[in-house]
Amino acid sequence: MRELKDRIISDGRVLPGNIIKVDGFLNHRVDIGLMRRLAKEFYSRFGDRGVTLIMTAEASGIALASITAEEFGVPLLFAKKAKSDNVEGGLIKSEIYSYTYKKKVTLLVSAEWISSADRVLIIDDFMANGEAMRGLVEITEKVGAALVGVGIAVEKGFQGGGDRLRAQGVDVQSLAIIESAEPGKIVFRE
């Protein structure tokens, strides 16, 4: 998506360690107009697949996933990274490794809100190694729901998470795939 790529070039930054900083418009301070256009793009790619549920992981993907759920007219379910007192009933869990926090994390979803009747579209703002997406795919499989695809705003293609999921047969649609990044130079996959 040209608009997103242009925004990454104009407002994003590459920090040491190949960290792509897009928090000024995507995942800290959020440009709602841009989120709405991204959601419409996801609808154009997945809107004919009978989606009944949008799913993401806590926390930075919630903004984009919320607007996408509104675009599809379906509920949003986000996996929590810590059990809270208000989550009751059976829990569907997936263990992942968070490269952001450098530790293992358990993604948790209440079995009350997802079932084998669901057709799930996973949406997230950013994917690098793909661990969070792998965990959400695993949760979907554990309940027997149909995974219709994964929509990602920005994918770090050089870290391979998206390609690993694609190799497993998952339909991953990323709106901008960064092939390489260094300060002052971002190269996108075409």
Foldseek 3Di string as FASTA:
>chain_A
DVVLVVLQLPPWWQDPPRDIRPCCDQFPNHDLVVLLVLLVVVCVVQVVPPAAEEEEEDDRFPSSSVSNCVVNVHYYFYWYQDDDPPQDADWQWDWFADPVVRGITITIGRPVPDALAGAYEYEGAEEEQQRRVVGVVVSCVVRNHHHRAYEYAEYAVCRPNVVVVVVVVGHYHYNWYFPDDDGPDTDTDD
